[in-house]
C-alpha atoms as a PDB file:
ATOM      1  CA  MET A   1      91.167  82.803 117.818  1.00  0.00           C
ATOM      2  CA  HIS A   2      87.639  82.516 116.499  1.00  0.00           C
ATOM      3  CA  SER A   3      87.819  83.362 112.810  1.00  0.00           C
ATOM      4  CA  LEU A   4      89.478  81.972 109.724  1.00  0.00           C
ATOM      5  CA  ILE A   5      92.327  84.201 108.533  1.00  0.00           C
ATOM      6  CA  TYR A   6      93.438  84.457 104.923  1.00  0.00           C
ATOM      7  CA  LEU A   7      96.829  85.794 103.843  1.00  0.00           C
ATOM      8  CA  ALA A   8      96.646  87.369 100.391  1.00  0.00           C
ATOM      9  CA  SER A   9     100.365  87.311  99.642  1.00  0.00           C
ATOM     10  CA  GLN A  10     102.676  85.254  97.459  1.00  0.00           C
ATOM     11  CA  SER A  11     105.556  85.932  99.860  1.00  0.00           C
ATOM     12  CA  PRO A  12     106.605  82.827 101.817  1.00  0.00           C
ATOM     13  CA  ARG A  13     108.231  85.162 104.361  1.00  0.00           C
ATOM     14  CA  ARG A  14     104.899  86.744 105.276  1.00  0.00           C
ATOM     15  CA  SER A  15     103.375  83.320 105.804  1.00  0.00           C
ATOM     16  CA  GLN A  16     106.335  82.298 107.984  1.00  0.00           C
ATOM     17  CA  LEU A  17     106.006  85.477 110.043  1.00  0.00           C
ATOM     18  CA  LEU A  18     102.295  84.919 110.735  1.00  0.00           C
ATOM     19  CA  THR A  19     103.063  81.345 111.742  1.00  0.00           C
ATOM     20  CA  GLN A  20     105.836  82.645 114.023  1.00  0.00           C
ATOM     21  CA  ILE A  21     103.284  84.469 116.185  1.00  0.00           C
ATOM     22  CA  GLY A  22     100.853  81.563 116.170  1.00  0.00           C
ATOM     23  CA  VAL A  23      98.369  82.918 113.636  1.00  0.00           C
ATOM     24  CA  ALA A  24      97.010  79.994 111.642  1.00  0.00           C
ATOM     25  CA  HIS A  25      96.034  81.065 108.137  1.00  0.00           C
ATOM     26  CA  ALA A  26      95.160  79.947 104.632  1.00  0.00           C
ATOM     27  CA  LEU A  27      96.699  81.469 101.510  1.00  0.00           C
ATOM     28  CA  LEU A  28      94.452  83.475  99.189  1.00  0.00           C
ATOM     29  CA  LEU A  29      96.593  83.836  96.082  1.00  0.00           C
ATOM     30  CA  PRO A  30      95.795  85.523  92.747  1.00  0.00           C
ATOM     31  CA  GLY A  31      94.530  83.300  89.971  1.00  0.00           C
ATOM     32  CA  PRO A  32      96.223  83.070  86.555  1.00  0.00           C
ATOM     33  CA  GLN A  33      93.731  85.572  85.127  1.00  0.00           C
ATOM     34  CA  GLU A  34      94.751  88.266  87.626  1.00  0.00           C
ATOM     35  CA  ASP A  35      97.565  90.695  86.809  1.00  0.00           C
ATOM     36  CA  ALA A  36      98.932  91.040  90.334  1.00  0.00           C
ATOM     37  CA  GLU A  37     102.080  92.847  89.160  1.00  0.00           C
ATOM     38  CA  ALA A  38     100.015  95.623  87.548  1.00  0.00           C
ATOM     39  CA  LEU A  39      98.783  96.662  91.003  1.00  0.00           C
ATOM     40  CA  GLU A  40     102.379  97.507  91.967  1.00  0.00           C
ATOM     41  CA  LEU A  41     103.001 100.152  89.305  1.00  0.00           C
ATOM     42  CA  ALA A  42     104.004 103.491  90.844  1.00  0.00           C
ATOM     43  CA  LEU A  43     102.299 106.683  89.757  1.00  0.00           C
ATOM     44  CA  PRO A  44     104.514 109.498  88.378  1.00  0.00           C
ATOM     45  CA  GLY A  45     106.067 111.441  91.241  1.00  0.00           C
ATOM     46  CA  GLU A  46     104.366 109.286  93.882  1.00  0.00           C
ATOM     47  CA  ALA A  47     105.992 109.416  97.327  1.00  0.00           C
ATOM     48  CA  PRO A  48     107.061 106.022  98.722  1.00  0.00           C
ATOM     49  CA  VAL A  49     104.800 106.360 101.775  1.00  0.00           C
ATOM     50  CA  ASP A  50     101.765 107.070  99.565  1.00  0.00           C
ATOM     51  CA  TYR A  51     102.705 104.355  97.091  1.00  0.00           C
ATOM     52  CA  VAL A  52     102.978 101.540  99.614  1.00  0.00           C
ATOM     53  CA  GLN A  53      99.672 102.387 101.291  1.00  0.00           C
ATOM     54  CA  ARG A  54      97.819 102.748  97.980  1.00  0.00           C
ATOM     55  CA  VAL A  55      99.167  99.442  96.637  1.00  0.00           C
ATOM     56  CA  THR A  56      98.212  97.658  99.853  1.00  0.00           C
ATOM     57  CA  ARG A  57      94.650  98.997  99.615  1.00  0.00           C
ATOM     58  CA  LEU A  58      94.431  97.821  95.995  1.00  0.00           C
ATOM     59  CA  LYS A  59      95.780  94.381  96.902  1.00  0.00           C
ATOM     60  CA  LEU A  60      93.300  94.091  99.764  1.00  0.00           C
ATOM     61  CA  GLU A  61      90.275  94.977  97.640  1.00  0.00           C
ATOM     62  CA  ALA A  62      91.437  92.560  94.920  1.00  0.00           C
ATOM     63  CA  ALA A  63      91.711  89.852  97.579  1.00  0.00           C
ATOM     64  CA  VAL A  64      88.237  90.646  98.941  1.00  0.00           C
ATOM     65  CA  GLN A  65      86.812  90.211  95.416  1.00  0.00           C
ATOM     66  CA  ARG A  66      88.815  87.003  94.930  1.00  0.00           C
ATOM     67  CA  HIS A  67      87.475  85.630  98.217  1.00  0.00           C
ATOM     68  CA  ALA A  68      83.881  86.377  97.203  1.00  0.00           C
ATOM     69  CA  GLN A  69      84.284  84.976  93.676  1.00  0.00           C
ATOM     70  CA  ARG A  70      85.669  81.697  95.023  1.00  0.00           C
ATOM     71  CA  GLY A  71      82.847  81.298  97.519  1.00  0.00           C
ATOM     72  CA  LEU A  72      85.240  80.677 100.388  1.00  0.00           C
ATOM     73  CA  PRO A  73      84.186  80.483 104.043  1.00  0.00           C
ATOM     74  CA  PRO A  74      84.024  83.857 105.823  1.00  0.00           C
ATOM     75  CA  GLY A  75      87.245  85.143 107.333  1.00  0.00           C
ATOM     76  CA  ALA A  76      89.546  88.094 107.786  1.00  0.00           C
ATOM     77  CA  ILE A  77      91.948  88.899 104.959  1.00  0.00           C
ATOM     78  CA  VAL A  78      95.487  90.192 105.562  1.00  0.00           C
ATOM     79  CA  CYS A  79      97.444  92.065 102.858  1.00  0.00           C
ATOM     80  CA  ALA A  80     100.794  93.838 102.903  1.00  0.00           C
ATOM     81  CA  ASP A  81     103.238  95.587 100.621  1.00  0.00           C
ATOM     82  CA  THR A  82     106.858  96.578 101.207  1.00  0.00           C
ATOM     83  CA  THR A  83     108.891  99.174  99.389  1.00  0.00           C
ATOM     84  CA  VAL A  84     112.449 100.412  99.774  1.00  0.00           C
ATOM     85  CA  ALA A  85     113.289 104.073  99.241  1.00  0.00           C
ATOM     86  CA  LEU A  86     116.601 105.893  99.009  1.00  0.00           C
ATOM     87  CA  GLU A  87     116.364 109.674  99.379  1.00  0.00           C
ATOM     88  CA  GLY A  88     112.685 109.548  98.493  1.00  0.00           C
ATOM     89  CA  VAL A  89     113.150 107.432  95.353  1.00  0.00           C
ATOM     90  CA  ILE A  90     111.396 104.052  95.247  1.00  0.00           C
ATOM     91  CA  LEU A  91     113.648 101.057  94.617  1.00  0.00           C
ATOM     92  CA  GLY A  92     111.311  98.322  93.448  1.00  0.00           C
ATOM     93  CA  LYS A  93     111.976  94.708  92.532  1.00  0.00           C
ATOM     94  CA  PRO A  94     114.946  94.385  90.149  1.00  0.00           C
ATOM     95  CA  HIS A  95     114.173  93.465  86.549  1.00  0.00           C
ATOM     96  CA  ASN A  96     117.400  91.486  86.119  1.00  0.00           C
ATOM     97  CA  GLY A  97     120.846  90.955  87.620  1.00  0.00           C
ATOM     98  CA  ALA A  98     122.272  94.195  86.282  1.00  0.00           C
ATOM     99  CA  ASP A  99     119.373  96.128  87.774  1.00  0.00           C
ATOM    100  CA  ALA A 100     119.895  94.370  91.127  1.00  0.00           C
ATOM    101  CA  ALA A 101     123.614  95.200  91.076  1.00  0.00           C
ATOM    102  CA  GLN A 102     122.855  98.860  90.356  1.00  0.00           C
ATOM    103  CA  MET A 103     120.400  99.052  93.274  1.00  0.00           C
ATOM    104  CA  LEU A 104     122.861  97.440  95.673  1.00  0.00           C
ATOM    105  CA  ALA A 105     125.581  99.856  94.567  1.00  0.00           C
ATOM    106  CA  GLN A 106     123.196 102.727  95.363  1.00  0.00           C
ATOM    107  CA  LEU A 107     122.442 101.297  98.822  1.00  0.00           C
ATOM    108  CA  SER A 108     126.119 100.647  99.600  1.00  0.00           C
ATOM    109  CA  GLY A 109     127.276 102.763 102.536  1.00  0.00           C
ATOM    110  CA  GLN A 110     123.933 104.557 102.704  1.00  0.00           C
ATOM    111  CA  SER A 111     120.946 104.689 105.016  1.00  0.00           C
ATOM    112  CA  HIS A 112     117.600 103.972 103.383  1.00  0.00           C
ATOM    113  CA  GLN A 113     113.983 103.571 104.447  1.00  0.00           C
ATOM    114  CA  VAL A 114     111.774 100.503 104.309  1.00  0.00           C
ATOM    115  CA  PHE A 115     108.018 101.097 104.285  1.00  0.00           C
ATOM    116  CA  THR A 116     105.631  98.218 104.912  1.00  0.00           C
ATOM    117  CA  ALA A 117     101.899  98.827 104.872  1.00  0.00           C
ATOM    118  CA  VAL A 118      99.560  96.159 106.208  1.00  0.00           C
ATOM    119  CA  ALA A 119      95.782  96.066 105.932  1.00  0.00           C
ATOM    120  CA  VAL A 120      93.020  93.789 107.176  1.00  0.00           C
ATOM    121  CA  ALA A 121      89.488  93.314 105.864  1.00  0.00           C
ATOM    122  CA  SER A 122      86.803  91.591 107.898  1.00  0.00           C
ATOM    123  CA  GLY A 123      83.265  91.889 106.592  1.00  0.00           C
ATOM    124  CA  ALA A 124      82.728  95.546 105.738  1.00  0.00           C
ATOM    125  CA  GLY A 125      85.481  96.681 108.124  1.00  0.00           C
ATOM    126  CA  ARG A 126      88.925  97.836 107.029  1.00  0.00           C
ATOM    127  CA  TRP A 127      91.965  98.426 109.243  1.00  0.00           C
ATOM    128  CA  ALA A 128      95.422  99.591 108.157  1.00  0.00           C
ATOM    129  CA  ALA A 129      98.822 100.411 109.615  1.00  0.00           C
ATOM    130  CA  LEU A 130     102.215 101.541 108.380  1.00  0.00           C
ATOM    131  CA  SER A 131     105.686 100.505 109.561  1.00  0.00           C
ATOM    132  CA  ILE A 132     108.700 102.690 108.679  1.00  0.00           C
ATOM    133  CA  SER A 133     112.252 101.508 109.366  1.00  0.00           C
ATOM    134  CA  GLN A 134     115.721 102.871 108.680  1.00  0.00           C
ATOM    135  CA  VAL A 135     118.405 100.504 107.407  1.00  0.00           C
ATOM    136  CA  GLN A 136     122.114 101.362 107.266  1.00  0.00           C
ATOM    137  CA  PHE A 137     124.163  99.411 104.717  1.00  0.00           C
ATOM    138  CA  ALA A 138     127.899  98.998 105.142  1.00  0.00           C
ATOM    139  CA  PRO A 139     130.036  99.919 102.117  1.00  0.00           C
ATOM    140  CA  LEU A 140     129.939  97.000  99.658  1.00  0.00           C
ATOM    141  CA  THR A 141     132.729  95.930  97.315  1.00  0.00           C
ATOM    142  CA  PRO A 142     131.957  95.097  93.678  1.00  0.00           C
ATOM    143  CA  ALA A 143     132.869  91.478  94.486  1.00  0.00           C
ATOM    144  CA  GLN A 144     130.324  91.357  97.321  1.00  0.00           C
ATOM    145  CA  ILE A 145     127.623  92.772  95.068  1.00  0.00           C
ATOM    146  CA  SER A 146     128.443  90.346  92.231  1.00  0.00           C
ATOM    147  CA  ALA A 147     128.406  87.330  94.541  1.00  0.00           C
ATOM    148  CA  TYR A 148     125.113  88.339  96.101  1.00  0.00           C
ATOM    149  CA  VAL A 149     123.470  88.946  92.725  1.00  0.00           C
ATOM    150  CA  ALA A 150     124.787  85.586  91.490  1.00  0.00           C
ATOM    151  CA  SER A 151     123.070  83.882  94.441  1.00  0.00           C
ATOM    152  CA  GLY A 152     119.706  84.892  92.983  1.00  0.00           C
ATOM    153  CA  GLU A 153     118.482  86.178  96.334  1.00  0.00           C
ATOM    154  CA  PRO A 154     117.894  89.811  95.206  1.00  0.00           C
ATOM    155  CA  MET A 155     115.319  88.820  92.611  1.00  0.00           C
ATOM    156  CA  GLY A 156     111.694  89.421  93.525  1.00  0.00           C
ATOM    157  CA  LYS A 157     112.632  91.607  96.485  1.00  0.00           C
ATOM    158  CA  ALA A 158     112.101  95.358  96.845  1.00  0.00           C
ATOM    159  CA  GLY A 159     115.477  97.082  96.945  1.00  0.00           C
ATOM    160  CA  ALA A 160     117.176  93.903  95.661  1.00  0.00           C
ATOM    161  CA  TYR A 161     117.862  92.361  99.064  1.00  0.00           C
ATOM    162  CA  GLY A 162     116.309  90.270 101.817  1.00  0.00           C
ATOM    163  CA  ILE A 163     117.289  91.052 105.399  1.00  0.00           C
ATOM    164  CA  GLN A 164     116.586  87.449 106.423  1.00  0.00           C
ATOM    165  CA  GLY A 165     119.140  86.079 103.947  1.00  0.00           C
ATOM    166  CA  ALA A 166     122.798  86.576 103.108  1.00  0.00           C
ATOM    167  CA  ALA A 167     122.312  90.375 102.904  1.00  0.00           C
ATOM    168  CA  ALA A 168     122.094  90.410 106.716  1.00  0.00           C
ATOM    169  CA  ALA A 169     125.904  90.609 106.596  1.00  0.00           C
ATOM    170  CA  PHE A 170     125.667  93.958 104.762  1.00  0.00           C
ATOM    171  CA  ILE A 171     123.460  95.654 107.337  1.00  0.00           C
ATOM    172  CA  ALA A 172     125.307  97.674 109.951  1.00  0.00           C
ATOM    173  CA  HIS A 173     122.279  99.018 111.795  1.00  0.00           C
ATOM    174  CA  ILE A 174     118.493  99.027 111.717  1.00  0.00           C
ATOM    175  CA  GLU A 175     116.021 101.279 113.460  1.00  0.00           C
ATOM    176  CA  GLY A 176     112.427 100.124 113.441  1.00  0.00           C
ATOM    177  CA  SER A 177     110.776  96.762 112.849  1.00  0.00           C
ATOM    178  CA  TYR A 178     112.865  93.772 111.758  1.00  0.00           C
ATOM    179  CA  SER A 179     109.715  91.862 110.754  1.00  0.00           C
ATOM    180  CA  GLY A 180     108.508  94.982 108.926  1.00  0.00           C
ATOM    181  CA  ILE A 181     111.717  95.013 106.886  1.00  0.00           C
ATOM    182  CA  MET A 182     111.130  91.318 106.136  1.00  0.00           C
ATOM    183  CA  GLY A 183     107.680  92.181 104.814  1.00  0.00           C
ATOM    184  CA  LEU A 184     105.110  91.947 107.620  1.00  0.00           C
ATOM    185  CA  PRO A 185     105.400  94.071 110.779  1.00  0.00           C
ATOM    186  CA  LEU A 186     104.180  91.638 113.414  1.00  0.00           C
ATOM    187  CA  PHE A 187     103.318  94.117 116.160  1.00  0.00           C
ATOM    188  CA  GLU A 188     101.123  96.175 113.831  1.00  0.00           C
ATOM    189  CA  THR A 189      99.611  93.068 112.210  1.00  0.00           C
ATOM    190  CA  GLU A 190      98.571  91.557 115.518  1.00  0.00           C
ATOM    191  CA  GLN A 191      97.075  94.896 116.641  1.00  0.00           C
ATOM    192  CA  LEU A 192      95.022  95.099 113.425  1.00  0.00           C
ATOM    193  CA  LEU A 193      93.756  91.531 113.820  1.00  0.00           C
ATOM    194  CA  ARG A 194      92.733  92.321 117.391  1.00  0.00           C
ATOM    195  CA  SER A 195      90.983  95.504 116.256  1.00  0.00           C
ATOM    196  CA  ALA A 196      89.136  93.436 113.640  1.00  0.00           C
ATOM    197  CA  GLY A 197      88.038  91.057 116.396  1.00  0.00           C
ATOM    198  CA  VAL A 198      89.631  87.968 114.892  1.00  0.00           C
ATOM    199  CA  LEU A 199      92.209  87.347 117.605  1.00  0.00           C
ATOM    200  CA  ASP A 200      91.299  86.738 121.234  1.00  0.00           C
END
């Protein structure tokens, strides 16, 4: 490795995943004056696959500007965004417990898609990839949903669940990238960093 790598994400899971594959990195987080949530607003009728790639591009360019404004040492910047979709409808982060419970009831017994886009900036170069996975939920009882919502785990997570947490017990089958479902597809991320010339 011969370049500093910045992770522009507030997700501790993404940081853990980069560390898992031996990629040392520094966090490049939004400042209090930045409205990071506004970047995640979906456009009317936007398809999940278009949404996740557009939001990732916006996050990356915001991070590039942030890096320049802070006068940080040169380095590659990694950004990602994950969205959950059921029958083409985006299920974002729940607004409250009732919203989380409604999402989980929708996912119960169904197969849904998880899209994670990842992008890397290094100098003027830009590289991007998309991971698409299928996740099959077992049927959930109202008691299971209530207990999971009460744990607080659904909050802040697309689709109101985290595969790396207690919701793992709800998932009957996955097809695709486990790390992509967590929020950062490691195979694609490493390939992008190699393409950008920042990994040996």
